[in-house]
Amino acid sequence: MATVLPQDTPIRRASIGDMTLEQVLALVEQMQERRMRQHTLYEAAMAAKAKIKEVKDKERFEHLLRMTEKKLKTIDTNLESVGKYLNELKVLELVLGGANG
């Protein structure tokens, strides 16, 4: 049979001094159960927050990868252009060197 705890009302507050040992133990057990439920909810909230953070971190990581890829393509394009200019300079150097010599 469940232990009946004294009624706690705004007018008549329950007092541990008025409770039997069995009632005090039942009250403590209820408090522990409530605390565990709250802790379980807290852990679930923290896990959800961690997942959101992971998703944001993953999105940031993927964004940085895309930006890096874009910059690398730009660098490759620029290096190709520089290579073409250098080849033209070499040709002009040969032409000008041959015209002077």
PDB file of N, CA and C in Angstrom:
ATOM      1  N   MET A   1       0.839  -1.175   0.000  1.00  0.00           N
ATOM      2  CA  MET A   1       0.000   0.000   0.000  1.00  0.00           C
ATOM      3  C   MET A   1       0.886   1.241   0.000  1.00  0.00           C
ATOM      4  N   ALA A   2       0.544   2.214  -0.813  1.00  0.00           N
ATOM      5  CA  ALA A   2       1.343   3.426  -0.937  1.00  0.00           C
ATOM      6  C   ALA A   2       1.200   4.279   0.321  1.00  0.00           C
ATOM      7  N   THR A   3       2.308   4.925   0.670  1.00  0.00           N
ATOM      8  CA  THR A   3       2.308   5.800   1.832  1.00  0.00           C
ATOM      9  C   THR A   3       1.630   7.108   1.474  1.00  0.00           C
ATOM     10  N   VAL A   4       0.693   7.515   2.314  1.00  0.00           N
ATOM     11  CA  VAL A   4      -0.015   8.768   2.089  1.00  0.00           C
ATOM     12  C   VAL A   4       0.746   9.872   2.800  1.00  0.00           C
ATOM     13  N   LEU A   5       1.126  10.892   2.032  1.00  0.00           N
ATOM     14  CA  LEU A   5       1.848  12.027   2.606  1.00  0.00           C
ATOM     15  C   LEU A   5       0.853  13.078   3.067  1.00  0.00           C
ATOM     16  N   PRO A   6       1.205  13.840   4.108  1.00  0.00           N
ATOM     17  CA  PRO A   6       0.308  14.909   4.564  1.00  0.00           C
ATOM     18  C   PRO A   6       0.089  15.914   3.431  1.00  0.00           C
ATOM     19  N   GLN A   7      -1.084  16.458   3.373  1.00  0.00           N
ATOM     20  CA  GLN A   7      -1.406  17.451   2.357  1.00  0.00           C
ATOM     21  C   GLN A   7      -0.628  18.736   2.615  1.00  0.00           C
ATOM     22  N   ASP A   8      -0.028  19.255   1.548  1.00  0.00           N
ATOM     23  CA  ASP A   8       0.725  20.507   1.633  1.00  0.00           C
ATOM     24  C   ASP A   8      -0.091  21.554   0.897  1.00  0.00           C
ATOM     25  N   THR A   9      -0.721  22.431   1.641  1.00  0.00           N
ATOM     26  CA  THR A   9      -1.544  23.477   1.039  1.00  0.00           C
ATOM     27  C   THR A   9      -0.961  24.835   1.407  1.00  0.00           C
ATOM     28  N   PRO A  10      -1.321  25.891   0.687  1.00  0.00           N
ATOM     29  CA  PRO A  10      -0.813  27.223   1.040  1.00  0.00           C
ATOM     30  C   PRO A  10      -1.191  27.642   2.460  1.00  0.00           C
ATOM     31  N   ILE A  11      -2.322  27.132   2.936  1.00  0.00           N
ATOM     32  CA  ILE A  11      -2.758  27.502   4.288  1.00  0.00           C
ATOM     33  C   ILE A  11      -2.082  26.622   5.340  1.00  0.00           C
ATOM     34  N   ARG A  12      -2.052  25.342   5.076  1.00  0.00           N
ATOM     35  CA  ARG A  12      -1.435  24.408   6.031  1.00  0.00           C
ATOM     36  C   ARG A  12      -0.266  23.724   5.335  1.00  0.00           C
ATOM     37  N   ARG A  13       0.937  24.178   5.634  1.00  0.00           N
ATOM     38  CA  ARG A  13       2.152  23.614   5.026  1.00  0.00           C
ATOM     39  C   ARG A  13       2.485  22.296   5.706  1.00  0.00           C
ATOM     40  N   ALA A  14       2.858  21.310   4.918  1.00  0.00           N
ATOM     41  CA  ALA A  14       3.274  20.020   5.475  1.00  0.00           C
ATOM     42  C   ALA A  14       4.634  20.193   6.129  1.00  0.00           C
ATOM     43  N   SER A  15       4.824  19.528   7.229  1.00  0.00           N
ATOM     44  CA  SER A  15       6.078  19.629   7.957  1.00  0.00           C
ATOM     45  C   SER A  15       6.650  18.229   8.163  1.00  0.00           C
ATOM     46  N   ILE A  16       7.938  18.110   7.925  1.00  0.00           N
ATOM     47  CA  ILE A  16       8.582  16.816   8.135  1.00  0.00           C
ATOM     48  C   ILE A  16       8.438  16.386   9.592  1.00  0.00           C
ATOM     49  N   GLY A  17       8.400  17.350  10.499  1.00  0.00           N
ATOM     50  CA  GLY A  17       8.229  17.024  11.918  1.00  0.00           C
ATOM     51  C   GLY A  17       6.906  16.355  12.222  1.00  0.00           C
ATOM     52  N   ASP A  18       5.911  16.563  11.374  1.00  0.00           N
ATOM     53  CA  ASP A  18       4.590  15.963  11.583  1.00  0.00           C
ATOM     54  C   ASP A  18       4.464  14.616  10.886  1.00  0.00           C
ATOM     55  N   MET A  19       5.478  14.219  10.129  1.00  0.00           N
ATOM     56  CA  MET A  19       5.410  12.985   9.346  1.00  0.00           C
ATOM     57  C   MET A  19       6.018  11.827  10.123  1.00  0.00           C
ATOM     58  N   THR A  20       5.526  10.636   9.769  1.00  0.00           N
ATOM     59  CA  THR A  20       6.149   9.430  10.310  1.00  0.00           C
ATOM     60  C   THR A  20       7.412   9.157   9.510  1.00  0.00           C
ATOM     61  N   LEU A  21       8.261   8.296   9.987  1.00  0.00           N
ATOM     62  CA  LEU A  21       9.488   7.936   9.274  1.00  0.00           C
ATOM     63  C   LEU A  21       9.153   7.372   7.897  1.00  0.00           C
ATOM     64  N   GLU A  22       8.130   6.556   7.838  1.00  0.00           N
ATOM     65  CA  GLU A  22       7.708   5.970   6.571  1.00  0.00           C
ATOM     66  C   GLU A  22       7.304   7.067   5.579  1.00  0.00           C
ATOM     67  N   GLN A  23       6.595   8.087   6.049  1.00  0.00           N
ATOM     68  CA  GLN A  23       6.176   9.196   5.193  1.00  0.00           C
ATOM     69  C   GLN A  23       7.383  10.030   4.731  1.00  0.00           C
ATOM     70  N   VAL A  24       8.334  10.242   5.621  1.00  0.00           N
ATOM     71  CA  VAL A  24       9.544  10.995   5.251  1.00  0.00           C
ATOM     72  C   VAL A  24      10.314  10.233   4.179  1.00  0.00           C
ATOM     73  N   LEU A  25      10.455   8.925   4.369  1.00  0.00           N
ATOM     74  CA  LEU A  25      11.161   8.108   3.370  1.00  0.00           C
ATOM     75  C   LEU A  25      10.429   8.134   2.027  1.00  0.00           C
ATOM     76  N   ALA A  26       9.110   8.090   2.056  1.00  0.00           N
ATOM     77  CA  ALA A  26       8.331   8.168   0.820  1.00  0.00           C
ATOM     78  C   ALA A  26       8.514   9.520   0.148  1.00  0.00           C
ATOM     79  N   LEU A  27       8.536  10.582   0.940  1.00  0.00           N
ATOM     80  CA  LEU A  27       8.752  11.929   0.391  1.00  0.00           C
ATOM     81  C   LEU A  27      10.117  12.035  -0.273  1.00  0.00           C
ATOM     82  N   VAL A  28      11.138  11.515   0.403  1.00  0.00           N
ATOM     83  CA  VAL A  28      12.493  11.552  -0.157  1.00  0.00           C
ATOM     84  C   VAL A  28      12.556  10.739  -1.447  1.00  0.00           C
ATOM     85  N   GLU A  29      11.883   9.599  -1.465  1.00  0.00           N
ATOM     86  CA  GLU A  29      11.863   8.764  -2.672  1.00  0.00           C
ATOM     87  C   GLU A  29      11.187   9.510  -3.830  1.00  0.00           C
ATOM     88  N   GLN A  30      10.092  10.206  -3.534  1.00  0.00           N
ATOM     89  CA  GLN A  30       9.415  10.996  -4.573  1.00  0.00           C
ATOM     90  C   GLN A  30      10.327  12.107  -5.086  1.00  0.00           C
ATOM     91  N   MET A  31      11.058  12.730  -4.192  1.00  0.00           N
ATOM     92  CA  MET A  31      11.979  13.796  -4.597  1.00  0.00           C
ATOM     93  C   MET A  31      13.094  13.232  -5.477  1.00  0.00           C
ATOM     94  N   GLN A  32      13.596  12.050  -5.111  1.00  0.00           N
ATOM     95  CA  GLN A  32      14.655  11.428  -5.908  1.00  0.00           C
ATOM     96  C   GLN A  32      14.140  11.062  -7.301  1.00  0.00           C
ATOM     97  N   GLU A  33      12.920  10.520  -7.355  1.00  0.00           N
ATOM     98  CA  GLU A  33      12.339  10.161  -8.647  1.00  0.00           C
ATOM     99  C   GLU A  33      12.134  11.400  -9.514  1.00  0.00           C
ATOM    100  N   ARG A  34      11.653  12.469  -8.890  1.00  0.00           N
ATOM    101  CA  ARG A  34      11.450  13.722  -9.631  1.00  0.00           C
ATOM    102  C   ARG A  34      12.783  14.257 -10.147  1.00  0.00           C
ATOM    103  N   ARG A  35      13.797  14.197  -9.307  1.00  0.00           N
ATOM    104  CA  ARG A  35      15.130  14.665  -9.696  1.00  0.00           C
ATOM    105  C   ARG A  35      15.660  13.831 -10.856  1.00  0.00           C
ATOM    106  N   MET A  36      15.456  12.526 -10.816  1.00  0.00           N
ATOM    107  CA  MET A  36      15.929  11.675 -11.906  1.00  0.00           C
ATOM    108  C   MET A  36      15.200  12.002 -13.212  1.00  0.00           C
ATOM    109  N   ARG A  37      13.886  12.251 -13.132  1.00  0.00           N
ATOM    110  CA  ARG A  37      13.140  12.635 -14.340  1.00  0.00           C
ATOM    111  C   ARG A  37      13.677  13.949 -14.895  1.00  0.00           C
ATOM    112  N   GLN A  38      13.939  14.901 -14.014  1.00  0.00           N
ATOM    113  CA  GLN A  38      14.482  16.189 -14.456  1.00  0.00           C
ATOM    114  C   GLN A  38      15.866  16.008 -15.069  1.00  0.00           C
ATOM    115  N   HIS A  39      16.684  15.173 -14.440  1.00  0.00           N
ATOM    116  CA  HIS A  39      18.033  14.940 -14.955  1.00  0.00           C
ATOM    117  C   HIS A  39      17.971  14.258 -16.322  1.00  0.00           C
ATOM    118  N   THR A  40      17.037  13.321 -16.462  1.00  0.00           N
ATOM    119  CA  THR A  40      16.881  12.636 -17.748  1.00  0.00           C
ATOM    120  C   THR A  40      16.475  13.627 -18.834  1.00  0.00           C
ATOM    121  N   LEU A  41      15.553  14.528 -18.503  1.00  0.00           N
ATOM    122  CA  LEU A  41      15.150  15.557 -19.468  1.00  0.00           C
ATOM    123  C   LEU A  41      16.314  16.487 -19.802  1.00  0.00           C
ATOM    124  N   TYR A  42      17.096  16.837 -18.788  1.00  0.00           N
ATOM    125  CA  TYR A  42      18.262  17.693 -18.999  1.00  0.00           C
ATOM    126  C   TYR A  42      19.263  17.008 -19.930  1.00  0.00           C
ATOM    127  N   GLU A  43      19.537  15.732 -19.662  1.00  0.00           N
ATOM    128  CA  GLU A  43      20.480  15.000 -20.519  1.00  0.00           C
ATOM    129  C   GLU A  43      19.976  14.933 -21.957  1.00  0.00           C
ATOM    130  N   ALA A  44      18.670  14.728 -22.126  1.00  0.00           N
ATOM    131  CA  ALA A  44      18.098  14.689 -23.475  1.00  0.00           C
ATOM    132  C   ALA A  44      18.256  16.044 -24.162  1.00  0.00           C
ATOM    133  N   ALA A  45      18.039  17.116 -23.410  1.00  0.00           N
ATOM    134  CA  ALA A  45      18.198  18.458 -23.977  1.00  0.00           C
ATOM    135  C   ALA A  45      19.655  18.718 -24.355  1.00  0.00           C
ATOM    136  N   MET A  46      20.583  18.304 -23.508  1.00  0.00           N
ATOM    137  CA  MET A  46      22.000  18.505 -23.806  1.00  0.00           C
ATOM    138  C   MET A  46      22.424  17.670 -25.014  1.00  0.00           C
ATOM    139  N   ALA A  47      21.883  16.468 -25.137  1.00  0.00           N
ATOM    140  CA  ALA A  47      22.196  15.635 -26.302  1.00  0.00           C
ATOM    141  C   ALA A  47      21.665  16.284 -27.572  1.00  0.00           C
ATOM    142  N   ALA A  48      20.460  16.840 -27.490  1.00  0.00           N
ATOM    143  CA  ALA A  48      19.897  17.529 -28.652  1.00  0.00           C
ATOM    144  C   ALA A  48      20.739  18.747 -28.998  1.00  0.00           C
ATOM    145  N   LYS A  49      21.171  19.486 -27.990  1.00  0.00           N
ATOM    146  CA  LYS A  49      22.016  20.657 -28.226  1.00  0.00           C
ATOM    147  C   LYS A  49      23.336  20.233 -28.862  1.00  0.00           C
ATOM    148  N   ALA A  50      23.911  19.135 -28.364  1.00  0.00           N
ATOM    149  CA  ALA A  50      25.169  18.640 -28.931  1.00  0.00           C
ATOM    150  C   ALA A  50      24.989  18.257 -30.391  1.00  0.00           C
ATOM    151  N   LYS A  51      23.861  17.650 -30.727  1.00  0.00           N
ATOM    152  CA  LYS A  51      23.616  17.288 -32.121  1.00  0.00           C
ATOM    153  C   LYS A  51      23.463  18.527 -32.980  1.00  0.00           C
ATOM    154  N   ILE A  52      22.776  19.527 -32.451  1.00  0.00           N
ATOM    155  CA  ILE A  52      22.629  20.777 -33.204  1.00  0.00           C
ATOM    156  C   ILE A  52      23.997  21.394 -33.431  1.00  0.00           C
ATOM    157  N   LYS A  53      24.828  21.384 -32.413  1.00  0.00           N
ATOM    158  CA  LYS A  53      26.176  21.923 -32.544  1.00  0.00           C
ATOM    159  C   LYS A  53      26.950  21.119 -33.574  1.00  0.00           C
ATOM    160  N   GLU A  54      26.819  19.799 -33.528  1.00  0.00           N
ATOM    161  CA  GLU A  54      27.522  18.967 -34.491  1.00  0.00           C
ATOM    162  C   GLU A  54      27.047  19.285 -35.905  1.00  0.00           C
ATOM    163  N   VAL A  55      25.756  19.471 -36.078  1.00  0.00           N
ATOM    164  CA  VAL A  55      25.224  19.798 -37.398  1.00  0.00           C
ATOM    165  C   VAL A  55      25.784  21.143 -37.853  1.00  0.00           C
ATOM    166  N   LYS A  56      25.804  22.127 -36.939  1.00  0.00           N
ATOM    167  CA  LYS A  56      26.361  23.428 -37.301  1.00  0.00           C
ATOM    168  C   LYS A  56      27.838  23.299 -37.634  1.00  0.00           C
ATOM    169  N   ASP A  57      28.559  22.524 -36.832  1.00  0.00           N
ATOM    170  CA  ASP A  57      29.975  22.322 -37.109  1.00  0.00           C
ATOM    171  C   ASP A  57      30.157  21.607 -38.440  1.00  0.00           C
ATOM    172  N   LYS A  58      29.305  20.621 -38.702  1.00  0.00           N
ATOM    173  CA  LYS A  58      29.398  19.889 -39.967  1.00  0.00           C
ATOM    174  C   LYS A  58      29.101  20.822 -41.133  1.00  0.00           C
ATOM    175  N   GLU A  59      28.060  21.646 -40.975  1.00  0.00           N
ATOM    176  CA  GLU A  59      27.728  22.598 -42.034  1.00  0.00           C
ATOM    177  C   GLU A  59      28.870  23.581 -42.243  1.00  0.00           C
ATOM    178  N   ARG A  60      29.474  24.048 -41.155  1.00  0.00           N
ATOM    179  CA  ARG A  60      30.609  24.982 -41.255  1.00  0.00           C
ATOM    180  C   ARG A  60      31.782  24.296 -41.942  1.00  0.00           C
ATOM    181  N   PHE A  61      32.044  23.052 -41.573  1.00  0.00           N
ATOM    182  CA  PHE A  61      33.130  22.284 -42.168  1.00  0.00           C
ATOM    183  C   PHE A  61      32.908  22.115 -43.668  1.00  0.00           C
ATOM    184  N   GLU A  62      31.681  21.733 -44.040  1.00  0.00           N
ATOM    185  CA  GLU A  62      31.375  21.556 -45.459  1.00  0.00           C
ATOM    186  C   GLU A  62      31.464  22.883 -46.211  1.00  0.00           C
ATOM    187  N   HIS A  63      31.031  23.965 -45.569  1.00  0.00           N
ATOM    188  CA  HIS A  63      31.140  25.295 -46.188  1.00  0.00           C
ATOM    189  C   HIS A  63      32.609  25.638 -46.432  1.00  0.00           C
ATOM    190  N   LEU A  64      33.449  25.395 -45.443  1.00  0.00           N
ATOM    191  CA  LEU A  64      34.877  25.687 -45.600  1.00  0.00           C
ATOM    192  C   LEU A  64      35.497  24.822 -46.687  1.00  0.00           C
ATOM    193  N   LEU A  65      35.047  23.578 -46.780  1.00  0.00           N
ATOM    194  CA  LEU A  65      35.544  22.718 -47.863  1.00  0.00           C
ATOM    195  C   LEU A  65      35.159  23.278 -49.231  1.00  0.00           C
ATOM    196  N   ARG A  66      33.906  23.722 -49.359  1.00  0.00           N
ATOM    197  CA  ARG A  66      33.462  24.302 -50.632  1.00  0.00           C
ATOM    198  C   ARG A  66      34.256  25.564 -50.961  1.00  0.00           C
ATOM    199  N   MET A  67      34.467  26.413 -49.967  1.00  0.00           N
ATOM    200  CA  MET A  67      35.228  27.644 -50.181  1.00  0.00           C
ATOM    201  C   MET A  67      36.672  27.325 -50.558  1.00  0.00           C
ATOM    202  N   THR A  68      37.252  26.345 -49.891  1.00  0.00           N
ATOM    203  CA  THR A  68      38.625  25.945 -50.203  1.00  0.00           C
ATOM    204  C   THR A  68      38.708  25.416 -51.625  1.00  0.00           C
ATOM    205  N   GLU A  69      37.745  24.580 -51.997  1.00  0.00           N
ATOM    206  CA  GLU A  69      37.722  24.035 -53.358  1.00  0.00           C
ATOM    207  C   GLU A  69      37.615  25.162 -54.387  1.00  0.00           C
ATOM    208  N   LYS A  70      36.755  26.124 -54.103  1.00  0.00           N
ATOM    209  CA  LYS A  70      36.586  27.265 -55.009  1.00  0.00           C
ATOM    210  C   LYS A  70      37.897  28.043 -55.139  1.00  0.00           C
ATOM    211  N   LYS A  71      38.550  28.313 -54.014  1.00  0.00           N
ATOM    212  CA  LYS A  71      39.821  29.056 -54.039  1.00  0.00           C
ATOM    213  C   LYS A  71      40.903  28.260 -54.760  1.00  0.00           C
ATOM    214  N   LEU A  72      40.912  26.947 -54.562  1.00  0.00           N
ATOM    215  CA  LEU A  72      41.902  26.120 -55.265  1.00  0.00           C
ATOM    216  C   LEU A  72      41.682  26.164 -56.776  1.00  0.00           C
ATOM    217  N   LYS A  73      40.425  26.145 -57.198  1.00  0.00           N
ATOM    218  CA  LYS A  73      40.140  26.259 -58.628  1.00  0.00           C
ATOM    219  C   LYS A  73      40.607  27.609 -59.164  1.00  0.00           C
ATOM    220  N   THR A  74      40.387  28.664 -58.370  1.00  0.00           N
ATOM    221  CA  THR A  74      40.849  30.002 -58.763  1.00  0.00           C
ATOM    222  C   THR A  74      42.363  30.024 -58.874  1.00  0.00           C
ATOM    223  N   ILE A  75      43.038  29.407 -57.913  1.00  0.00           N
ATOM    224  CA  ILE A  75      44.505  29.350 -57.954  1.00  0.00           C
ATOM    225  C   ILE A  75      44.964  28.587 -59.191  1.00  0.00           C
ATOM    226  N   ASP A  76      44.315  27.438 -59.490  1.00  0.00           N
ATOM    227  CA  ASP A  76      44.686  26.661 -60.679  1.00  0.00           C
ATOM    228  C   ASP A  76      44.510  27.494 -61.950  1.00  0.00           C
ATOM    229  N   THR A  77      43.389  28.203 -62.031  1.00  0.00           N
ATOM    230  CA  THR A  77      43.134  29.051 -63.197  1.00  0.00           C
ATOM    231  C   THR A  77      44.203  30.135 -63.303  1.00  0.00           C
ATOM    232  N   ASN A  78      44.526  30.768 -62.182  1.00  0.00           N
ATOM    233  CA  ASN A  78      45.549  31.820 -62.184  1.00  0.00           C
ATOM    234  C   ASN A  78      46.926  31.257 -62.541  1.00  0.00           C
ATOM    235  N   LEU A  79      47.251  30.076 -62.041  1.00  0.00           N
ATOM    236  CA  LEU A  79      48.541  29.464 -62.377  1.00  0.00           C
ATOM    237  C   LEU A  79      48.625  29.140 -63.870  1.00  0.00           C
ATOM    238  N   GLU A  80      47.512  28.689 -64.443  1.00  0.00           N
ATOM    239  CA  GLU A  80      47.496  28.437 -65.886  1.00  0.00           C
ATOM    240  C   GLU A  80      47.745  29.735 -66.648  1.00  0.00           C
ATOM    241  N   SER A  81      47.105  30.813 -66.220  1.00  0.00           N
ATOM    242  CA  SER A  81      47.300  32.109 -66.880  1.00  0.00           C
ATOM    243  C   SER A  81      48.739  32.566 -66.746  1.00  0.00           C
ATOM    244  N   VAL A  82      49.302  32.430 -65.558  1.00  0.00           N
ATOM    245  CA  VAL A  82      50.702  32.821 -65.335  1.00  0.00           C
ATOM    246  C   VAL A  82      51.613  31.979 -66.216  1.00  0.00           C
ATOM    247  N   GLY A  83      51.318  30.693 -66.318  1.00  0.00           N
ATOM    248  CA  GLY A  83      52.124  29.813 -67.182  1.00  0.00           C
ATOM    249  C   GLY A  83      52.074  30.262 -68.635  1.00  0.00           C
ATOM    250  N   LYS A  84      50.902  30.646 -69.111  1.00  0.00           N
ATOM    251  CA  LYS A  84      50.768  31.131 -70.487  1.00  0.00           C
ATOM    252  C   LYS A  84      51.565  32.412 -70.691  1.00  0.00           C
ATOM    253  N   TYR A  85      51.473  33.345 -69.723  1.00  0.00           N
ATOM    254  CA  TYR A  85      52.231  34.598 -69.823  1.00  0.00           C
ATOM    255  C   TYR A  85      53.722  34.323 -69.834  1.00  0.00           C
ATOM    256  N   LEU A  86      54.162  33.405 -68.985  1.00  0.00           N
ATOM    257  CA  LEU A  86      55.596  33.080 -68.941  1.00  0.00           C
ATOM    258  C   LEU A  86      56.056  32.475 -70.264  1.00  0.00           C
ATOM    259  N   ASN A  87      55.222  31.606 -70.852  1.00  0.00           N
ATOM    260  CA  ASN A  87      55.579  31.026 -72.150  1.00  0.00           C
ATOM    261  C   ASN A  87      55.674  32.109 -73.219  1.00  0.00           C
ATOM    262  N   GLU A  88      54.741  33.060 -73.227  1.00  0.00           N
ATOM    263  CA  GLU A  88      54.793  34.162 -74.190  1.00  0.00           C
ATOM    264  C   GLU A  88      56.043  35.011 -73.970  1.00  0.00           C
ATOM    265  N   LEU A  89      56.399  35.264 -72.717  1.00  0.00           N
ATOM    266  CA  LEU A  89      57.611  36.024 -72.415  1.00  0.00           C
ATOM    267  C   LEU A  89      58.850  35.299 -72.937  1.00  0.00           C
ATOM    268  N   LYS A  90      58.885  33.983 -72.770  1.00  0.00           N
ATOM    269  CA  LYS A  90      60.033  33.213 -73.273  1.00  0.00           C
ATOM    270  C   LYS A  90      60.131  33.326 -74.792  1.00  0.00           C
ATOM    271  N   VAL A  91      58.969  33.210 -75.454  1.00  0.00           N
ATOM    272  CA  VAL A  91      58.957  33.323 -76.920  1.00  0.00           C
ATOM    273  C   VAL A  91      59.424  34.708 -77.332  1.00  0.00           C
ATOM    274  N   LEU A  92      58.900  35.758 -76.681  1.00  0.00           N
ATOM    275  CA  LEU A  92      59.319  37.118 -77.020  1.00  0.00           C
ATOM    276  C   LEU A  92      60.803  37.321 -76.744  1.00  0.00           C
ATOM    277  N   GLU A  93      61.283  36.737 -75.641  1.00  0.00           N
ATOM    278  CA  GLU A  93      62.709  36.857 -75.325  1.00  0.00           C
ATOM    279  C   GLU A  93      63.556  36.238 -76.430  1.00  0.00           C
ATOM    280  N   LEU A  94      63.122  35.087 -76.926  1.00  0.00           N
ATOM    281  CA  LEU A  94      63.858  34.435 -78.017  1.00  0.00           C
ATOM    282  C   LEU A  94      63.791  35.283 -79.286  1.00  0.00           C
ATOM    283  N   VAL A  95      62.599  35.804 -79.575  1.00  0.00           N
ATOM    284  CA  VAL A  95      62.434  36.619 -80.777  1.00  0.00           C
ATOM    285  C   VAL A  95      63.262  37.891 -80.664  1.00  0.00           C
ATOM    286  N   LEU A  96      63.178  38.563 -79.521  1.00  0.00           N
ATOM    287  CA  LEU A  96      63.918  39.792 -79.339  1.00  0.00           C
ATOM    288  C   LEU A  96      65.426  39.513 -79.257  1.00  0.00           C
ATOM    289  N   GLY A  97      65.786  38.440 -78.619  1.00  0.00           N
ATOM    290  CA  GLY A  97      67.204  38.092 -78.534  1.00  0.00           C
ATOM    291  C   GLY A  97      67.756  37.749 -79.907  1.00  0.00           C
ATOM    292  N   GLY A  98      66.949  37.095 -80.733  1.00  0.00           N
ATOM    293  CA  GLY A  98      67.379  36.740 -82.065  1.00  0.00           C
ATOM    294  C   GLY A  98      67.454  37.952 -82.982  1.00  0.00           C
ATOM    295  N   ALA A  99      66.562  38.953 -82.741  1.00  0.00           N
ATOM    296  CA  ALA A  99      66.555  40.149 -83.556  1.00  0.00           C
ATOM    297  C   ALA A  99      67.753  41.022 -83.190  1.00  0.00           C
ATOM    298  N   ASN A 100      68.169  41.016 -81.945  1.00  0.00           N
ATOM    299  CA  ASN A 100      69.290  41.830 -81.498  1.00  0.00           C
ATOM    300  C   ASN A 100      70.618  41.162 -81.810  1.00  0.00           C
ATOM    301  N   GLY A 101      70.637  39.873 -81.935  1.00  0.00           N
ATOM    302  CA  GLY A 101      71.901  39.170 -82.070  1.00  0.00           C
ATOM    303  C   GLY A 101      72.216  38.844 -83.411  1.00  0.00           C
TER     304      GLY A 101
END
